[in-house]
Protein backbone atom coordinates (compact mmCIF):
# COMPACT_ATOMS: atom_id res chain seq x y z
CA MET A 1 26.20 -4.98 -1.80
CA PRO A 2 26.22 -4.12 1.93
CA ILE A 3 23.70 -1.72 3.21
CA ASP A 4 24.83 1.34 5.13
CA LEU A 5 23.50 0.93 8.63
CA GLY A 6 24.06 4.72 9.23
CA ILE A 7 20.71 5.33 7.51
CA VAL A 8 18.87 4.47 10.68
CA GLY A 9 17.40 7.68 12.19
CA ARG A 10 17.40 9.69 9.02
CA HIS A 11 14.40 12.05 8.92
CA TYR A 12 12.54 13.42 6.05
CA SER A 13 9.55 15.76 5.82
CA GLY A 14 7.80 18.10 3.52
CA PRO A 15 4.47 19.66 2.34
CA ILE A 16 1.90 17.76 0.22
CA SER A 17 -1.32 18.72 -1.44
CA TRP A 18 -3.81 16.72 -3.44
CA SER A 19 -6.90 17.48 -5.47
CA SER A 20 -10.12 15.62 -6.36
CA SER A 21 -8.40 14.34 -9.46
CA HIS A 22 -5.60 12.81 -7.48
CA ALA A 23 -7.96 10.83 -5.44
CA LEU A 24 -10.08 9.69 -8.51
CA LEU A 25 -6.90 8.60 -10.31
CA TYR A 26 -5.77 6.56 -7.39
CA ALA A 27 -9.20 4.87 -7.05
CA LEU A 28 -9.09 3.82 -10.85
CA GLY A 29 -5.42 2.70 -10.21
CA VAL A 30 -6.58 0.15 -7.51
CA GLY A 31 -9.54 -1.08 -9.71
CA ALA A 32 -12.49 0.73 -8.53
CA GLY A 33 -15.23 0.62 -11.04
CA GLY A 34 -13.31 -2.02 -12.98
CA THR A 35 -15.94 -4.65 -12.96
CA ASP A 36 -18.96 -2.31 -13.09
CA PRO A 37 -18.19 1.38 -14.09
CA HIS A 38 -21.37 2.34 -12.41
CA ASP A 39 -20.34 0.87 -8.99
CA GLU A 40 -18.19 2.82 -6.55
CA LEU A 41 -19.17 6.12 -8.19
CA ALA A 42 -18.44 7.90 -4.80
CA PHE A 43 -14.70 7.11 -5.33
CA THR A 44 -14.56 7.37 -9.12
CA THR A 45 -16.51 10.43 -9.97
CA GLU A 46 -16.96 13.91 -8.46
CA ASN A 47 -20.25 14.91 -9.96
CA SER A 48 -22.70 12.06 -9.87
CA HIS A 49 -26.23 12.94 -8.92
CA GLY A 50 -26.96 12.42 -5.24
CA THR A 51 -23.38 10.97 -4.62
CA LEU A 52 -20.72 12.95 -2.73
CA GLN A 53 -17.08 12.18 -3.63
CA ARG A 54 -15.25 10.08 -1.03
CA VAL A 55 -11.58 8.98 -0.90
CA LEU A 56 -10.39 5.41 -0.62
CA PRO A 57 -8.61 5.12 2.78
CA THR A 58 -5.50 3.34 1.24
CA PHE A 59 -4.83 6.62 -0.73
CA ALA A 60 -3.03 7.50 2.55
CA VAL A 61 -0.09 5.11 1.82
CA VAL A 62 0.55 7.10 -1.54
CA LEU A 63 0.40 10.40 0.05
CA GLY A 64 2.88 9.40 2.69
CA ALA A 65 5.28 7.63 0.28
CA HIS A 66 5.36 9.60 -2.92
CA GLY A 67 3.30 12.72 -2.73
CA ALA A 68 0.17 13.39 -4.89
CA GLU A 69 2.43 14.17 -7.91
CA GLY A 70 4.83 11.36 -7.51
CA ASP A 71 8.55 11.32 -7.00
CA PRO A 72 10.65 8.97 -9.22
CA VAL A 73 13.25 8.31 -6.52
CA SER A 74 13.97 5.16 -4.46
CA PRO A 75 10.88 3.89 -2.61
CA VAL A 76 13.10 3.84 0.58
CA LEU A 77 12.41 7.38 1.67
CA GLY A 78 15.50 8.83 3.43
CA ALA A 79 17.84 6.52 1.53
CA PRO A 80 17.69 7.38 -2.28
CA GLU A 81 21.04 5.87 -2.82
CA ILE A 82 19.64 2.36 -2.53
CA PRO A 83 19.34 1.05 -6.24
CA LEU A 84 15.66 0.58 -7.40
CA ALA A 85 16.41 -2.84 -8.78
CA GLN A 86 17.28 -4.14 -5.41
CA ILE A 87 14.06 -3.18 -3.65
CA LEU A 88 10.82 -5.04 -3.05
CA HIS A 89 8.04 -4.03 -0.85
CA GLY A 90 8.00 -6.35 2.32
CA GLU A 91 5.09 -5.13 4.56
CA GLN A 92 2.77 -2.19 4.90
CA THR A 93 0.68 -0.86 7.71
CA VAL A 94 -1.68 2.15 7.61
CA THR A 95 -3.65 3.67 10.39
CA LEU A 96 -6.46 6.24 9.58
CA HIS A 97 -7.85 8.83 11.99
CA GLY A 98 -10.76 9.65 9.98
CA ALA A 99 -11.99 9.75 6.29
CA LEU A 100 -9.49 11.56 4.13
CA PRO A 101 -10.60 14.88 2.59
CA VAL A 102 -11.20 14.94 -1.14
CA ALA A 103 -8.70 17.79 -1.48
CA ALA A 104 -6.25 19.23 1.04
CA THR A 105 -2.87 20.58 1.92
CA ALA A 106 -0.91 18.52 4.49
CA THR A 107 2.58 17.81 5.80
CA PHE A 108 4.26 14.45 5.90
CA SER A 109 7.26 13.50 8.13
CA GLY A 110 8.96 10.25 8.72
CA ARG A 111 12.18 8.47 9.60
CA ILE A 112 13.99 5.26 8.94
CA SER A 113 13.36 3.36 12.13
CA ALA A 114 15.30 0.25 11.72
CA VAL A 115 17.32 -1.99 9.41
CA HIS A 116 16.72 -5.62 9.99
CA ASP A 117 18.62 -8.79 8.74
CA THR A 118 17.08 -11.72 7.22
CA GLY A 119 20.42 -13.37 6.53
CA ARG A 120 20.41 -12.81 2.66
CA HIS A 121 18.45 -9.60 2.67
CA ALA A 122 18.17 -6.40 4.61
CA VAL A 123 14.87 -5.05 5.56
CA VAL A 124 14.50 -1.23 5.97
CA GLU A 125 11.56 0.02 8.07
CA ASN A 126 10.12 3.46 7.80
CA VAL A 127 7.59 5.10 10.03
CA ALA A 128 5.69 8.27 8.86
CA GLU A 129 2.72 10.46 9.60
CA LEU A 130 0.41 12.72 7.54
CA ARG A 131 -1.07 15.91 9.22
CA ASP A 132 -3.55 18.48 8.10
CA ALA A 133 -1.41 21.58 7.36
CA ALA A 134 -4.02 24.02 8.75
CA THR A 135 -4.95 22.34 11.92
CA GLY A 136 -2.03 20.00 12.63
CA GLY A 137 -4.40 17.29 13.15
CA LEU A 138 -3.16 13.76 12.45
CA LEU A 139 -4.80 12.18 9.32
CA ALA A 140 -2.84 8.99 8.96
CA GLU A 141 0.28 7.02 10.01
CA THR A 142 2.19 4.44 8.06
CA VAL A 143 4.83 1.82 8.73
CA SER A 144 6.59 0.42 5.62
CA SER A 145 9.17 -2.17 5.29
CA MET A 146 11.37 -2.54 2.10
CA VAL A 147 13.39 -5.65 1.26
CA VAL A 148 16.84 -4.72 0.00
CA ARG A 149 17.78 -7.76 -1.88
CA ASP A 150 21.19 -9.44 -1.29
CA ALA A 151 22.05 -6.73 1.28
CA GLY A 152 21.84 -8.99 4.39
CA GLY A 153 24.21 -11.02 6.35
CA PHE A 154 25.67 -8.12 8.43
CA GLY A 155 24.84 -9.72 11.69
CA GLY A 156 21.72 -7.68 12.50
CA GLU A 157 18.48 -9.16 14.12
CA PRO A 158 15.41 -10.09 12.03
CA ALA A 159 12.26 -8.27 12.48
CA ALA A 160 9.90 -9.73 15.21
CA ALA A 161 6.62 -11.01 13.71
CA ALA A 162 3.32 -10.43 15.60
CA PRO A 163 1.25 -13.52 16.42
CA TRP A 164 -1.13 -14.24 13.44
CA THR A 165 -3.33 -17.32 13.16
CA LEU A 166 -6.43 -17.69 10.93
CA PRO A 167 -9.63 -18.84 12.49
CA GLU A 168 -10.52 -22.49 12.00
CA ARG A 169 -13.23 -21.99 9.64
CA SER A 170 -13.81 -21.03 5.96
CA ALA A 171 -13.54 -17.37 5.14
CA ASP A 172 -16.63 -15.41 5.74
CA VAL A 173 -16.22 -13.49 2.43
CA SER A 174 -14.32 -14.44 -0.69
CA LEU A 175 -14.03 -12.02 -3.57
CA SER A 176 -12.32 -12.16 -6.90
CA TYR A 177 -10.88 -9.05 -8.55
CA PRO A 178 -9.52 -9.22 -12.07
CA THR A 179 -6.59 -6.76 -12.62
CA ARG A 180 -6.11 -5.12 -16.06
CA ARG A 181 -3.14 -5.91 -18.34
CA ASP A 182 -2.25 -2.27 -18.07
CA GLN A 183 -3.01 -1.97 -14.27
CA ALA A 184 0.63 -1.02 -13.45
CA LEU A 185 0.72 1.60 -16.08
CA LEU A 186 -2.40 3.26 -14.64
CA TYR A 187 -1.35 2.81 -10.98
CA ARG A 188 2.09 4.27 -11.44
CA LEU A 189 0.38 7.77 -12.24
CA SER A 190 -0.42 7.91 -8.57
CA GLY A 191 3.20 8.22 -7.75
CA ASP A 192 5.46 5.06 -7.88
CA ARG A 193 7.33 5.45 -11.10
CA ASN A 194 9.78 2.56 -10.41
CA PRO A 195 10.41 0.99 -13.85
CA LEU A 196 10.30 -2.42 -12.30
CA HIS A 197 6.47 -2.04 -12.89
CA SER A 198 6.56 -0.81 -16.43
CA ASP A 199 9.83 -1.49 -18.32
CA PRO A 200 10.44 -5.12 -19.44
CA TRP A 201 14.20 -4.53 -19.89
CA PHE A 202 14.50 -3.14 -16.23
CA ALA A 203 12.29 -6.06 -14.91
CA ARG A 204 14.70 -8.63 -16.60
CA SER A 205 17.74 -6.81 -15.26
CA ALA A 206 16.18 -7.28 -11.75
CA GLY A 207 15.80 -10.93 -12.38
CA LEU A 208 11.94 -10.95 -13.24
CA GLU A 209 10.35 -12.25 -16.35
CA ARG A 210 8.34 -9.20 -16.84
CA PRO A 211 7.18 -6.15 -15.01
CA ILE A 212 5.27 -6.88 -11.84
CA LEU A 213 2.31 -5.11 -10.25
CA HIS A 214 3.10 -2.51 -7.50
CA GLY A 215 2.62 -4.22 -4.10
CA LEU A 216 0.65 -1.14 -3.01
CA CYS A 217 -1.73 -1.67 -5.88
CA THR A 218 -2.47 -5.29 -4.59
CA TYR A 219 -2.85 -3.55 -1.08
CA GLY A 220 -5.31 -1.04 -2.61
CA PHE A 221 -7.44 -3.70 -4.31
CA THR A 222 -7.47 -5.57 -0.88
CA GLY A 223 -8.43 -2.43 1.04
CA ARG A 224 -11.39 -1.85 -1.27
CA ALA A 225 -12.61 -5.36 -0.42
CA LEU A 226 -12.18 -4.63 3.31
CA LEU A 227 -13.97 -1.20 3.11
CA HIS A 228 -16.95 -2.63 1.26
CA GLU A 229 -17.38 -5.91 3.08
CA VAL A 230 -16.29 -4.93 6.61
CA CYS A 231 -17.10 -1.11 6.73
CA GLY A 232 -20.20 -1.09 4.71
CA GLY A 233 -18.34 1.12 2.21
CA ASP A 234 -17.95 3.94 4.75
CA PRO A 235 -14.28 5.28 4.98
CA ASP A 236 -15.01 6.80 8.38
CA ARG A 237 -15.12 3.22 9.75
CA PHE A 238 -11.71 2.27 8.11
CA GLY A 239 -9.40 2.10 11.07
CA GLY A 240 -6.24 0.59 9.49
CA MET A 241 -4.75 -2.52 7.75
CA SER A 242 -1.53 -4.20 7.86
CA ALA A 243 -0.20 -7.00 5.57
CA ARG A 244 2.99 -8.86 4.33
CA PHE A 245 3.79 -9.13 0.53
CA THR A 246 4.85 -12.57 -0.16
CA HIS A 247 4.87 -13.33 -3.86
CA PRO A 248 4.60 -10.91 -7.01
CA VAL A 249 1.50 -10.30 -8.87
CA PHE A 250 1.53 -9.69 -12.53
CA PRO A 251 -0.81 -7.20 -14.35
CA GLY A 252 -3.71 -9.28 -15.65
CA ASP A 253 -3.76 -11.67 -12.74
CA THR A 254 -7.01 -12.22 -10.84
CA LEU A 255 -6.82 -11.42 -6.99
CA ASP A 256 -8.84 -13.63 -4.67
CA VAL A 257 -9.37 -11.89 -1.31
CA ASP A 258 -10.38 -13.99 1.55
CA ILE A 259 -11.85 -12.21 4.70
CA TRP A 260 -12.38 -13.59 8.18
CA ARG A 261 -14.44 -11.13 10.34
CA THR A 262 -13.32 -10.65 13.99
CA THR A 263 -14.83 -8.75 16.94
CA ASP A 264 -12.76 -5.54 16.09
CA GLY A 265 -12.34 -5.90 12.41
CA ALA A 266 -11.07 -8.77 10.20
CA MET A 267 -8.13 -11.06 9.37
CA PHE A 268 -7.46 -11.44 5.48
CA ARG A 269 -5.14 -12.69 2.92
CA ALA A 270 -5.05 -12.38 -0.90
CA SER A 271 -4.03 -15.02 -3.50
CA VAL A 272 -3.46 -15.62 -7.11
CA GLY A 273 -4.50 -19.18 -7.88
CA ASP A 274 -2.87 -21.22 -5.17
CA ARG A 275 -0.18 -18.76 -4.58
CA VAL A 276 -0.60 -16.28 -1.58
CA VAL A 277 0.58 -12.87 -2.49
CA LEU A 278 -0.67 -10.90 0.57
CA ASP A 279 -0.38 -12.60 3.81
CA ARG A 280 -0.66 -11.97 7.62
CA GLY A 281 -3.33 -9.49 6.98
CA THR A 282 -5.17 -7.76 9.90
CA PHE A 283 -7.86 -5.03 9.64
CA ARG A 284 -9.16 -2.83 12.51
CA LEU A 285 -12.55 -1.08 12.40
CA ARG A 286 -12.69 2.61 13.64
CA THR A 287 -15.53 4.01 15.73
CA PRO A 288 -16.12 7.45 14.24
């Protein structure tokens, strides 16, 4: 069905709060401690001896998109009328302005900034920001692109792609992260209740053989790899990351993350076997 181009410019905003438990649940949802339960205790526990709780930086994309308690509406914020079965995540960018607090009250605001035309599909772009409610300080910014399947062909322009070329050398770091068979059921508790990721009937009705893993779950796994390998595990050094979702991941798949270090951060991609699932990845270090 055609997309309503009148959605461009729609604004949305609201208060949001999160607790220590929300941050812990998100960390488990993106695989923290999955290989070794005593690893990453700063992100998976709040009372380990000599270890202060920290927050995974990619938690910011959940806070800006769904809120800490979750909202089972369309993932295209500002356009809840777009059917869930038509939507796939296209690209995601997050920029951090410091380590996220373990618990806080904040405000988020955003708008639909553009609708692009790929020919067959429409791509809806949202920009949003997260601010501390008490100080007004900027915590994080996000740019999200959602693919609305079979809603293109309206004569619009495609999105411009930034230049991206991998270095002509082997990856500096290659990591493998197995995902759990119930990974999507765990991750959905952080906010994205789209049944595409949990209900076999709904997945089949959307043309998929079975429920797929949330794109932002794959993004979170990859963000953990970048945090540990490029930032030395310090969230204060995590400036931001951007990537394009290219193929679905199924719960139980093993993610292979390849990282090429650069002068200001890294380039990266993630694969399942020989299938690239997260592409055009760029990461920027932050100087605290």
